[in-house]
Amino acid sequence: MGLPQRDLEFHTYAESAAWPDDVRYELIHGIAYAMDPAPARRHQEVAGEMFRQIADALEGSPCRPYIAPFDVRLPRADEADGRIDTVVQPDISVICDKAKLDERGRRGAPDWIVEVLSPGSAGHDQVVKRELYERVGVREYWLVHPIDKVVTIYLLAAGAYGKPAVQELVGDTTATVLPQVTIAWARVLRED
């Protein structure tokens, strides 16, 4: 079962920017998928601690992490922003090219994306978004499963994701595209 769709119409970024804020949507190839109104507390704790560790590790570098909601516009070619039909809000995105940042977010693929899986969006993140991120050139894509306590890591090589690495959330894991970033899972998973 996928995420609920807004309707069967084709939509663009310009249209979605005018929608009321009471329901958030991501656009993928013009289809508007409803996002959960508010992620669960545990999801926020995991994403928040990962963001903190990433931000600390990138201090002083040209790379910057962003946490949802943050629009990542993924054009098919060089179309104007208003005509873009794919806009996502990854839990965490890391961008190293400041030229592609503006007040609305990011235009183009981030270097690294982290999605923290929730029961309602896990299939969407693992199938639809994985295919999208591969197509647009996201260099590294992590799917963090806080319930199963594993991370699935995809690396882009020759324009495609190969077989993913699957690791338990124990010890530390270092980002391949940003080796200065190491995630300490004990800190991410602690429950005070």
N, C-alpha and C. Protein backbone atom coordinates (compact mmCIF):
# COMPACT_ATOMS: atom_id res chain seq x y z
N MET A 1 0.84 -1.18 0.00
CA MET A 1 0.00 0.00 0.00
C MET A 1 0.89 1.24 0.00
N GLY A 2 0.67 2.13 -0.95
CA GLY A 2 1.46 3.35 -1.05
C GLY A 2 0.85 4.50 -0.27
N LEU A 3 1.51 5.61 -0.32
CA LEU A 3 0.98 6.81 0.32
C LEU A 3 -0.26 7.28 -0.42
N PRO A 4 -1.20 7.89 0.28
CA PRO A 4 -2.40 8.38 -0.40
C PRO A 4 -2.08 9.52 -1.36
N GLN A 5 -2.74 9.47 -2.52
CA GLN A 5 -2.57 10.52 -3.52
C GLN A 5 -3.63 11.60 -3.31
N ARG A 6 -3.27 12.82 -3.61
CA ARG A 6 -4.20 13.94 -3.47
C ARG A 6 -5.38 13.77 -4.42
N ASP A 7 -5.07 13.39 -5.66
CA ASP A 7 -6.07 13.20 -6.71
C ASP A 7 -5.38 12.52 -7.88
N LEU A 8 -6.02 12.45 -9.02
CA LEU A 8 -5.44 11.79 -10.19
C LEU A 8 -4.89 12.80 -11.20
N GLU A 9 -4.79 14.06 -10.81
CA GLU A 9 -4.33 15.12 -11.70
C GLU A 9 -2.79 15.20 -11.71
N PHE A 10 -2.25 15.81 -12.77
CA PHE A 10 -0.83 16.11 -12.87
C PHE A 10 -0.60 17.48 -12.24
N HIS A 11 0.40 17.60 -11.37
CA HIS A 11 0.65 18.85 -10.66
C HIS A 11 2.09 19.31 -10.85
N THR A 12 2.29 20.61 -10.66
CA THR A 12 3.62 21.21 -10.74
C THR A 12 3.96 21.89 -9.41
N TYR A 13 5.20 22.28 -9.29
CA TYR A 13 5.65 22.97 -8.08
C TYR A 13 4.86 24.27 -7.88
N ALA A 14 4.59 25.00 -8.94
CA ALA A 14 3.83 26.25 -8.82
C ALA A 14 2.46 26.00 -8.21
N GLU A 15 1.79 24.95 -8.65
CA GLU A 15 0.48 24.62 -8.09
C GLU A 15 0.60 24.25 -6.62
N SER A 16 1.52 23.36 -6.31
CA SER A 16 1.63 22.87 -4.93
C SER A 16 2.01 23.97 -3.96
N ALA A 17 2.75 24.96 -4.41
CA ALA A 17 3.13 26.07 -3.54
C ALA A 17 1.93 26.90 -3.11
N ALA A 18 0.85 26.82 -3.87
CA ALA A 18 -0.36 27.58 -3.56
C ALA A 18 -1.36 26.79 -2.71
N TRP A 19 -1.10 25.53 -2.43
CA TRP A 19 -2.03 24.73 -1.64
C TRP A 19 -1.95 25.13 -0.17
N PRO A 20 -3.05 24.94 0.57
CA PRO A 20 -3.03 25.25 2.01
C PRO A 20 -1.98 24.41 2.74
N ASP A 21 -1.47 24.95 3.83
CA ASP A 21 -0.41 24.29 4.59
C ASP A 21 -0.91 23.20 5.54
N ASP A 22 -2.22 23.00 5.64
CA ASP A 22 -2.73 22.03 6.61
C ASP A 22 -2.42 20.58 6.22
N VAL A 23 -2.13 20.32 4.95
CA VAL A 23 -1.71 18.99 4.50
C VAL A 23 -0.48 19.18 3.64
N ARG A 24 0.59 18.44 3.95
CA ARG A 24 1.82 18.53 3.16
C ARG A 24 1.84 17.44 2.10
N TYR A 25 2.39 17.79 0.94
CA TYR A 25 2.50 16.85 -0.16
C TYR A 25 3.92 16.84 -0.71
N GLU A 26 4.31 15.70 -1.24
CA GLU A 26 5.49 15.60 -2.08
C GLU A 26 5.00 15.32 -3.48
N LEU A 27 5.64 15.91 -4.47
CA LEU A 27 5.31 15.65 -5.87
C LEU A 27 6.36 14.73 -6.45
N ILE A 28 5.92 13.66 -7.07
CA ILE A 28 6.84 12.78 -7.78
C ILE A 28 6.23 12.52 -9.14
N HIS A 29 6.91 13.04 -10.16
CA HIS A 29 6.44 12.94 -11.55
C HIS A 29 5.01 13.48 -11.69
N GLY A 30 4.72 14.57 -10.98
CA GLY A 30 3.43 15.23 -11.08
C GLY A 30 2.34 14.66 -10.20
N ILE A 31 2.59 13.56 -9.52
CA ILE A 31 1.61 12.96 -8.62
C ILE A 31 1.86 13.51 -7.22
N ALA A 32 0.80 14.01 -6.58
CA ALA A 32 0.91 14.57 -5.23
C ALA A 32 0.60 13.48 -4.21
N TYR A 33 1.61 13.15 -3.40
CA TYR A 33 1.46 12.15 -2.34
C TYR A 33 1.34 12.87 -1.00
N ALA A 34 0.29 12.52 -0.23
CA ALA A 34 0.09 13.13 1.08
C ALA A 34 1.13 12.60 2.05
N MET A 35 1.74 13.50 2.78
CA MET A 35 2.71 13.13 3.80
C MET A 35 2.01 13.08 5.15
N ASP A 36 2.57 12.33 6.07
CA ASP A 36 2.02 12.30 7.42
C ASP A 36 2.00 13.71 7.98
N PRO A 37 0.93 14.10 8.66
CA PRO A 37 0.87 15.47 9.19
C PRO A 37 1.98 15.77 10.19
N ALA A 38 2.33 14.81 11.00
CA ALA A 38 3.44 14.98 11.94
C ALA A 38 4.04 13.61 12.20
N PRO A 39 5.34 13.48 11.99
CA PRO A 39 5.97 12.18 12.26
C PRO A 39 5.89 11.83 13.73
N ALA A 40 5.99 10.54 14.03
CA ALA A 40 5.98 10.06 15.41
C ALA A 40 7.17 10.63 16.18
N ARG A 41 7.02 10.67 17.48
CA ARG A 41 8.08 11.20 18.35
C ARG A 41 9.41 10.48 18.12
N ARG A 42 9.40 9.16 18.04
CA ARG A 42 10.64 8.41 17.86
C ARG A 42 11.32 8.75 16.54
N HIS A 43 10.52 8.91 15.49
CA HIS A 43 11.05 9.31 14.18
C HIS A 43 11.79 10.64 14.31
N GLN A 44 11.21 11.58 15.01
CA GLN A 44 11.81 12.90 15.18
C GLN A 44 13.09 12.82 16.02
N GLU A 45 13.10 11.98 17.04
CA GLU A 45 14.30 11.82 17.86
C GLU A 45 15.46 11.26 17.03
N VAL A 46 15.17 10.25 16.20
CA VAL A 46 16.20 9.63 15.37
C VAL A 46 16.71 10.64 14.34
N ALA A 47 15.80 11.27 13.61
CA ALA A 47 16.20 12.25 12.58
C ALA A 47 16.94 13.43 13.22
N GLY A 48 16.45 13.89 14.36
CA GLY A 48 17.07 15.03 15.02
C GLY A 48 18.49 14.75 15.49
N GLU A 49 18.71 13.59 16.09
CA GLU A 49 20.06 13.25 16.56
C GLU A 49 21.01 13.02 15.39
N MET A 50 20.51 12.40 14.32
CA MET A 50 21.36 12.22 13.14
C MET A 50 21.73 13.58 12.56
N PHE A 51 20.76 14.47 12.47
CA PHE A 51 21.02 15.81 11.96
C PHE A 51 22.09 16.52 12.81
N ARG A 52 21.96 16.41 14.13
CA ARG A 52 22.93 17.05 15.03
C ARG A 52 24.34 16.53 14.76
N GLN A 53 24.49 15.21 14.64
CA GLN A 53 25.81 14.63 14.41
C GLN A 53 26.36 15.05 13.03
N ILE A 54 25.51 15.07 12.04
CA ILE A 54 25.94 15.47 10.69
C ILE A 54 26.36 16.93 10.70
N ALA A 55 25.53 17.80 11.28
CA ALA A 55 25.85 19.23 11.32
C ALA A 55 27.16 19.49 12.07
N ASP A 56 27.35 18.80 13.19
CA ASP A 56 28.59 18.98 13.94
C ASP A 56 29.80 18.55 13.12
N ALA A 57 29.70 17.44 12.43
CA ALA A 57 30.83 16.93 11.64
C ALA A 57 31.14 17.82 10.44
N LEU A 58 30.13 18.49 9.91
CA LEU A 58 30.33 19.33 8.72
C LEU A 58 30.66 20.78 9.06
N GLU A 59 30.72 21.10 10.34
CA GLU A 59 31.05 22.47 10.75
C GLU A 59 32.33 22.93 10.06
N GLY A 60 32.27 24.09 9.41
CA GLY A 60 33.43 24.65 8.73
C GLY A 60 33.65 24.15 7.31
N SER A 61 32.83 23.21 6.86
CA SER A 61 32.96 22.71 5.49
C SER A 61 31.93 23.41 4.59
N PRO A 62 32.06 23.29 3.29
CA PRO A 62 31.07 23.90 2.41
C PRO A 62 29.74 23.13 2.38
N CYS A 63 29.71 21.95 2.93
CA CYS A 63 28.50 21.12 2.93
C CYS A 63 27.59 21.51 4.10
N ARG A 64 26.28 21.47 3.83
CA ARG A 64 25.30 21.83 4.85
C ARG A 64 24.18 20.79 4.89
N PRO A 65 23.77 20.38 6.10
CA PRO A 65 22.62 19.48 6.20
C PRO A 65 21.33 20.29 6.39
N TYR A 66 20.24 19.75 5.90
CA TYR A 66 18.92 20.35 6.07
C TYR A 66 17.96 19.26 6.52
N ILE A 67 17.02 19.64 7.38
CA ILE A 67 16.06 18.67 7.91
C ILE A 67 14.66 19.08 7.44
N ALA A 68 13.80 18.10 7.20
CA ALA A 68 12.45 18.35 6.70
C ALA A 68 11.67 19.20 7.72
N PRO A 69 10.79 20.04 7.23
CA PRO A 69 10.43 20.25 5.83
C PRO A 69 11.42 21.20 5.13
N PHE A 70 11.94 20.74 4.02
CA PHE A 70 12.89 21.49 3.20
C PHE A 70 12.70 20.99 1.77
N ASP A 71 12.24 21.88 0.89
CA ASP A 71 11.93 21.46 -0.48
C ASP A 71 13.19 21.17 -1.29
N VAL A 72 13.21 19.99 -1.87
CA VAL A 72 14.25 19.60 -2.83
C VAL A 72 13.54 19.45 -4.17
N ARG A 73 13.79 20.41 -5.07
CA ARG A 73 13.16 20.42 -6.39
C ARG A 73 14.06 19.65 -7.35
N LEU A 74 13.47 18.69 -8.04
CA LEU A 74 14.25 17.81 -8.91
C LEU A 74 13.75 17.95 -10.35
N PRO A 75 14.31 18.91 -11.09
CA PRO A 75 13.87 19.11 -12.47
C PRO A 75 14.29 17.94 -13.37
N ARG A 76 13.53 17.75 -14.43
CA ARG A 76 13.89 16.73 -15.42
C ARG A 76 14.99 17.25 -16.34
N ALA A 77 14.95 18.57 -16.60
CA ALA A 77 15.95 19.20 -17.47
C ALA A 77 16.21 20.59 -16.93
N ASP A 78 16.00 21.61 -17.76
CA ASP A 78 16.24 22.99 -17.32
C ASP A 78 14.95 23.80 -17.21
N GLU A 79 13.82 23.12 -16.97
CA GLU A 79 12.54 23.83 -16.86
C GLU A 79 12.54 24.82 -15.69
N ALA A 80 11.70 25.84 -15.83
CA ALA A 80 11.55 26.84 -14.77
C ALA A 80 11.01 26.16 -13.52
N ASP A 81 11.31 26.74 -12.35
CA ASP A 81 10.87 26.16 -11.09
C ASP A 81 9.38 25.83 -11.06
N GLY A 82 8.57 26.75 -11.51
CA GLY A 82 7.12 26.54 -11.46
C GLY A 82 6.66 25.33 -12.23
N ARG A 83 7.42 24.89 -13.20
CA ARG A 83 7.03 23.76 -14.05
C ARG A 83 7.62 22.41 -13.57
N ILE A 84 8.46 22.45 -12.56
CA ILE A 84 9.03 21.21 -12.03
C ILE A 84 7.91 20.34 -11.48
N ASP A 85 7.97 19.04 -11.77
CA ASP A 85 6.90 18.13 -11.32
C ASP A 85 7.35 17.17 -10.21
N THR A 86 8.56 17.36 -9.70
CA THR A 86 9.05 16.50 -8.63
C THR A 86 9.70 17.36 -7.54
N VAL A 87 9.07 17.36 -6.37
CA VAL A 87 9.55 18.11 -5.21
C VAL A 87 9.37 17.22 -3.99
N VAL A 88 10.48 16.88 -3.33
CA VAL A 88 10.43 16.00 -2.17
C VAL A 88 10.96 16.73 -0.94
N GLN A 89 10.67 16.15 0.21
CA GLN A 89 11.15 16.70 1.48
C GLN A 89 11.80 15.56 2.28
N PRO A 90 13.05 15.23 1.93
CA PRO A 90 13.73 14.16 2.67
C PRO A 90 13.87 14.52 4.14
N ASP A 91 13.94 13.50 4.99
CA ASP A 91 14.14 13.78 6.41
C ASP A 91 15.42 14.58 6.61
N ILE A 92 16.51 14.16 5.97
CA ILE A 92 17.77 14.90 6.02
C ILE A 92 18.36 14.90 4.62
N SER A 93 18.79 16.06 4.18
CA SER A 93 19.53 16.14 2.91
C SER A 93 20.79 16.95 3.16
N VAL A 94 21.87 16.52 2.53
CA VAL A 94 23.15 17.21 2.67
C VAL A 94 23.55 17.73 1.30
N ILE A 95 23.85 19.03 1.27
CA ILE A 95 24.15 19.73 0.02
C ILE A 95 25.52 20.37 0.14
N CYS A 96 26.35 20.12 -0.85
CA CYS A 96 27.72 20.67 -0.84
C CYS A 96 27.90 21.78 -1.88
N ASP A 97 26.96 21.95 -2.79
CA ASP A 97 27.04 22.98 -3.83
C ASP A 97 26.06 24.11 -3.48
N LYS A 98 26.58 25.16 -2.84
CA LYS A 98 25.72 26.27 -2.40
C LYS A 98 25.04 27.00 -3.55
N ALA A 99 25.58 26.89 -4.76
CA ALA A 99 25.00 27.56 -5.92
C ALA A 99 23.60 27.05 -6.24
N LYS A 100 23.27 25.85 -5.78
CA LYS A 100 21.96 25.27 -6.07
C LYS A 100 20.96 25.50 -4.93
N LEU A 101 21.33 26.31 -3.94
CA LEU A 101 20.44 26.65 -2.84
C LEU A 101 19.81 28.01 -3.09
N ASP A 102 18.57 28.15 -2.67
CA ASP A 102 17.89 29.44 -2.71
C ASP A 102 16.93 29.49 -1.53
N GLU A 103 16.15 30.54 -1.46
CA GLU A 103 15.24 30.70 -0.32
C GLU A 103 14.17 29.62 -0.25
N ARG A 104 13.86 28.97 -1.36
CA ARG A 104 12.84 27.92 -1.38
C ARG A 104 13.40 26.55 -1.05
N GLY A 105 14.72 26.40 -1.06
CA GLY A 105 15.32 25.10 -0.78
C GLY A 105 16.46 24.80 -1.73
N ARG A 106 16.40 23.64 -2.34
CA ARG A 106 17.45 23.14 -3.22
C ARG A 106 16.87 22.81 -4.59
N ARG A 107 17.60 23.17 -5.64
CA ARG A 107 17.24 22.76 -6.99
C ARG A 107 18.32 21.78 -7.46
N GLY A 108 17.95 20.54 -7.63
CA GLY A 108 18.89 19.51 -8.04
C GLY A 108 19.14 18.52 -6.91
N ALA A 109 19.81 17.44 -7.27
CA ALA A 109 20.02 16.33 -6.33
C ALA A 109 21.00 16.69 -5.23
N PRO A 110 20.63 16.42 -3.98
CA PRO A 110 21.59 16.55 -2.88
C PRO A 110 22.68 15.49 -3.02
N ASP A 111 23.77 15.68 -2.29
CA ASP A 111 24.85 14.71 -2.30
C ASP A 111 24.48 13.46 -1.50
N TRP A 112 23.75 13.66 -0.40
CA TRP A 112 23.41 12.55 0.50
C TRP A 112 22.01 12.80 1.04
N ILE A 113 21.19 11.76 1.05
CA ILE A 113 19.84 11.84 1.62
C ILE A 113 19.68 10.72 2.64
N VAL A 114 19.04 11.07 3.76
CA VAL A 114 18.68 10.09 4.80
C VAL A 114 17.18 10.15 4.97
N GLU A 115 16.53 8.99 4.89
CA GLU A 115 15.11 8.87 5.21
C GLU A 115 15.00 7.95 6.42
N VAL A 116 14.28 8.40 7.44
CA VAL A 116 13.99 7.58 8.61
C VAL A 116 12.63 6.96 8.35
N LEU A 117 12.58 5.65 8.29
CA LEU A 117 11.35 4.97 7.89
C LEU A 117 10.29 5.00 8.98
N SER A 118 9.07 5.25 8.52
CA SER A 118 7.88 5.20 9.36
C SER A 118 6.97 4.14 8.76
N PRO A 119 6.11 3.51 9.56
CA PRO A 119 5.25 2.46 9.00
C PRO A 119 4.43 2.93 7.79
N GLY A 120 3.96 4.16 7.80
CA GLY A 120 3.12 4.64 6.71
C GLY A 120 3.86 4.99 5.43
N SER A 121 5.17 5.22 5.52
CA SER A 121 5.92 5.65 4.33
C SER A 121 7.07 4.73 3.94
N ALA A 122 7.26 3.64 4.65
CA ALA A 122 8.42 2.77 4.42
C ALA A 122 8.48 2.25 2.99
N GLY A 123 7.38 1.73 2.49
CA GLY A 123 7.37 1.20 1.12
C GLY A 123 7.66 2.29 0.10
N HIS A 124 7.08 3.45 0.29
CA HIS A 124 7.28 4.60 -0.61
C HIS A 124 8.76 5.01 -0.63
N ASP A 125 9.36 5.09 0.55
CA ASP A 125 10.77 5.48 0.64
C ASP A 125 11.70 4.43 0.04
N GLN A 126 11.35 3.15 0.22
CA GLN A 126 12.22 2.07 -0.24
C GLN A 126 12.08 1.78 -1.73
N VAL A 127 10.95 2.12 -2.32
CA VAL A 127 10.74 1.80 -3.73
C VAL A 127 10.69 3.07 -4.58
N VAL A 128 9.67 3.88 -4.38
CA VAL A 128 9.46 5.06 -5.23
C VAL A 128 10.60 6.05 -5.10
N LYS A 129 10.94 6.41 -3.87
CA LYS A 129 12.00 7.40 -3.67
C LYS A 129 13.38 6.84 -4.02
N ARG A 130 13.63 5.57 -3.75
CA ARG A 130 14.92 5.00 -4.13
C ARG A 130 15.12 5.08 -5.64
N GLU A 131 14.10 4.73 -6.40
CA GLU A 131 14.20 4.82 -7.86
C GLU A 131 14.39 6.27 -8.30
N LEU A 132 13.68 7.20 -7.68
CA LEU A 132 13.80 8.62 -8.02
C LEU A 132 15.21 9.12 -7.70
N TYR A 133 15.70 8.86 -6.51
CA TYR A 133 17.02 9.35 -6.10
C TYR A 133 18.13 8.77 -6.97
N GLU A 134 17.97 7.54 -7.39
CA GLU A 134 18.94 6.95 -8.30
C GLU A 134 18.91 7.68 -9.64
N ARG A 135 17.72 7.93 -10.17
CA ARG A 135 17.58 8.58 -11.48
C ARG A 135 18.17 9.98 -11.48
N VAL A 136 17.98 10.74 -10.40
CA VAL A 136 18.44 12.13 -10.39
C VAL A 136 19.88 12.28 -9.92
N GLY A 137 20.51 11.21 -9.46
CA GLY A 137 21.93 11.25 -9.13
C GLY A 137 22.29 11.55 -7.69
N VAL A 138 21.43 11.17 -6.72
CA VAL A 138 21.81 11.30 -5.31
C VAL A 138 22.93 10.30 -5.07
N ARG A 139 24.08 10.79 -4.64
CA ARG A 139 25.27 9.95 -4.55
C ARG A 139 25.20 8.89 -3.45
N GLU A 140 24.52 9.20 -2.35
CA GLU A 140 24.40 8.24 -1.25
C GLU A 140 23.01 8.40 -0.64
N TYR A 141 22.34 7.26 -0.41
CA TYR A 141 20.98 7.26 0.12
C TYR A 141 20.90 6.24 1.25
N TRP A 142 20.54 6.74 2.45
CA TRP A 142 20.40 5.89 3.62
C TRP A 142 18.93 5.77 3.98
N LEU A 143 18.50 4.54 4.25
CA LEU A 143 17.18 4.25 4.79
C LEU A 143 17.39 3.71 6.19
N VAL A 144 17.00 4.49 7.19
CA VAL A 144 17.21 4.10 8.58
C VAL A 144 15.91 3.49 9.10
N HIS A 145 16.01 2.24 9.57
CA HIS A 145 14.86 1.49 10.10
C HIS A 145 14.97 1.48 11.62
N PRO A 146 14.38 2.46 12.32
CA PRO A 146 14.57 2.51 13.78
C PRO A 146 13.92 1.34 14.52
N ILE A 147 12.86 0.77 13.97
CA ILE A 147 12.21 -0.36 14.64
C ILE A 147 13.03 -1.63 14.48
N ASP A 148 13.48 -1.90 13.25
CA ASP A 148 14.29 -3.09 12.98
C ASP A 148 15.76 -2.90 13.36
N LYS A 149 16.14 -1.65 13.61
CA LYS A 149 17.51 -1.29 14.00
C LYS A 149 18.54 -1.69 12.95
N VAL A 150 18.25 -1.32 11.68
CA VAL A 150 19.19 -1.51 10.58
C VAL A 150 19.18 -0.26 9.71
N VAL A 151 20.28 -0.08 8.97
CA VAL A 151 20.36 0.97 7.97
C VAL A 151 20.69 0.30 6.64
N THR A 152 19.98 0.72 5.60
CA THR A 152 20.24 0.25 4.25
C THR A 152 20.89 1.40 3.51
N ILE A 153 22.06 1.15 2.92
CA ILE A 153 22.85 2.21 2.29
C ILE A 153 23.03 1.92 0.81
N TYR A 154 22.60 2.87 -0.01
CA TYR A 154 22.78 2.78 -1.46
C TYR A 154 23.84 3.79 -1.88
N LEU A 155 24.77 3.36 -2.72
CA LEU A 155 25.79 4.25 -3.28
C LEU A 155 25.65 4.27 -4.79
N LEU A 156 25.74 5.46 -5.36
CA LEU A 156 25.63 5.62 -6.80
C LEU A 156 26.98 5.34 -7.45
N ALA A 157 26.99 4.43 -8.41
CA ALA A 157 28.21 4.13 -9.16
C ALA A 157 27.79 3.93 -10.62
N ALA A 158 28.42 4.67 -11.51
CA ALA A 158 28.10 4.60 -12.95
C ALA A 158 26.62 4.85 -13.19
N GLY A 159 26.03 5.78 -12.43
CA GLY A 159 24.65 6.18 -12.65
C GLY A 159 23.59 5.25 -12.08
N ALA A 160 24.00 4.26 -11.28
CA ALA A 160 23.02 3.32 -10.73
C ALA A 160 23.41 2.93 -9.30
N TYR A 161 22.39 2.57 -8.53
CA TYR A 161 22.64 2.02 -7.21
C TYR A 161 22.89 0.52 -7.38
N GLY A 162 23.95 0.07 -6.81
CA GLY A 162 24.23 -1.36 -6.82
C GLY A 162 23.52 -2.02 -5.66
N LYS A 163 24.03 -3.19 -5.31
CA LYS A 163 23.49 -3.91 -4.16
C LYS A 163 23.72 -3.06 -2.91
N PRO A 164 22.68 -2.86 -2.09
CA PRO A 164 22.87 -2.02 -0.90
C PRO A 164 23.64 -2.74 0.19
N ALA A 165 24.28 -1.95 1.03
CA ALA A 165 24.89 -2.46 2.25
C ALA A 165 23.82 -2.36 3.34
N VAL A 166 23.64 -3.40 4.10
CA VAL A 166 22.68 -3.40 5.19
C VAL A 166 23.46 -3.67 6.47
N GLN A 167 23.33 -2.75 7.43
CA GLN A 167 24.09 -2.85 8.67
C GLN A 167 23.17 -2.68 9.86
N GLU A 168 23.51 -3.37 10.94
CA GLU A 168 22.78 -3.14 12.19
C GLU A 168 23.17 -1.77 12.74
N LEU A 169 22.27 -1.19 13.49
CA LEU A 169 22.54 0.12 14.10
C LEU A 169 23.32 -0.08 15.39
N VAL A 170 24.55 -0.54 15.24
CA VAL A 170 25.47 -0.71 16.36
C VAL A 170 26.79 -0.08 15.98
N GLY A 171 27.51 0.38 16.96
CA GLY A 171 28.80 1.01 16.68
C GLY A 171 28.61 2.31 15.91
N ASP A 172 29.46 2.52 14.93
CA ASP A 172 29.44 3.74 14.13
C ASP A 172 29.35 3.37 12.65
N THR A 173 28.77 4.26 11.86
CA THR A 173 28.74 4.11 10.41
C THR A 173 29.18 5.43 9.80
N THR A 174 30.11 5.35 8.87
CA THR A 174 30.65 6.54 8.20
C THR A 174 30.03 6.70 6.83
N ALA A 175 29.65 7.93 6.50
CA ALA A 175 29.12 8.22 5.16
C ALA A 175 30.25 8.08 4.15
N THR A 176 29.98 7.42 3.06
CA THR A 176 31.01 7.20 2.04
C THR A 176 31.32 8.50 1.30
N VAL A 177 30.30 9.26 0.91
CA VAL A 177 30.55 10.48 0.12
C VAL A 177 31.03 11.64 0.99
N LEU A 178 30.86 11.55 2.28
CA LEU A 178 31.32 12.57 3.21
C LEU A 178 32.00 11.87 4.38
N PRO A 179 33.23 11.37 4.17
CA PRO A 179 33.87 10.54 5.19
C PRO A 179 34.17 11.24 6.51
N GLN A 180 34.00 12.56 6.56
CA GLN A 180 34.18 13.25 7.83
C GLN A 180 32.96 13.07 8.74
N VAL A 181 31.88 12.48 8.20
CA VAL A 181 30.66 12.28 8.99
C VAL A 181 30.57 10.81 9.42
N THR A 182 30.52 10.61 10.71
CA THR A 182 30.31 9.28 11.28
C THR A 182 29.13 9.36 12.23
N ILE A 183 28.19 8.45 12.06
CA ILE A 183 27.01 8.42 12.92
C ILE A 183 27.24 7.41 14.04
N ALA A 184 27.11 7.87 15.28
CA ALA A 184 27.22 7.02 16.47
C ALA A 184 25.81 6.55 16.82
N TRP A 185 25.54 5.28 16.53
CA TRP A 185 24.16 4.77 16.69
C TRP A 185 23.70 4.74 18.13
N ALA A 186 24.60 4.55 19.08
CA ALA A 186 24.19 4.54 20.50
C ALA A 186 23.53 5.87 20.87
N ARG A 187 24.07 6.97 20.34
CA ARG A 187 23.48 8.29 20.60
C ARG A 187 22.15 8.43 19.88
N VAL A 188 22.03 7.90 18.68
CA VAL A 188 20.79 8.01 17.90
C VAL A 188 19.68 7.23 18.57
N LEU A 189 19.99 6.05 19.08
CA LEU A 189 18.96 5.15 19.60
C LEU A 189 18.67 5.28 21.09
N ARG A 190 19.44 6.11 21.78
CA ARG A 190 19.23 6.22 23.23
C ARG A 190 17.81 6.70 23.51
N GLU A 191 17.28 6.16 24.58
CA GLU A 191 15.94 6.55 25.01
C GLU A 191 16.03 7.01 26.45
N ASP A 192 16.02 8.31 26.65
CA ASP A 192 16.16 8.88 27.99
C ASP A 192 14.85 8.86 28.72
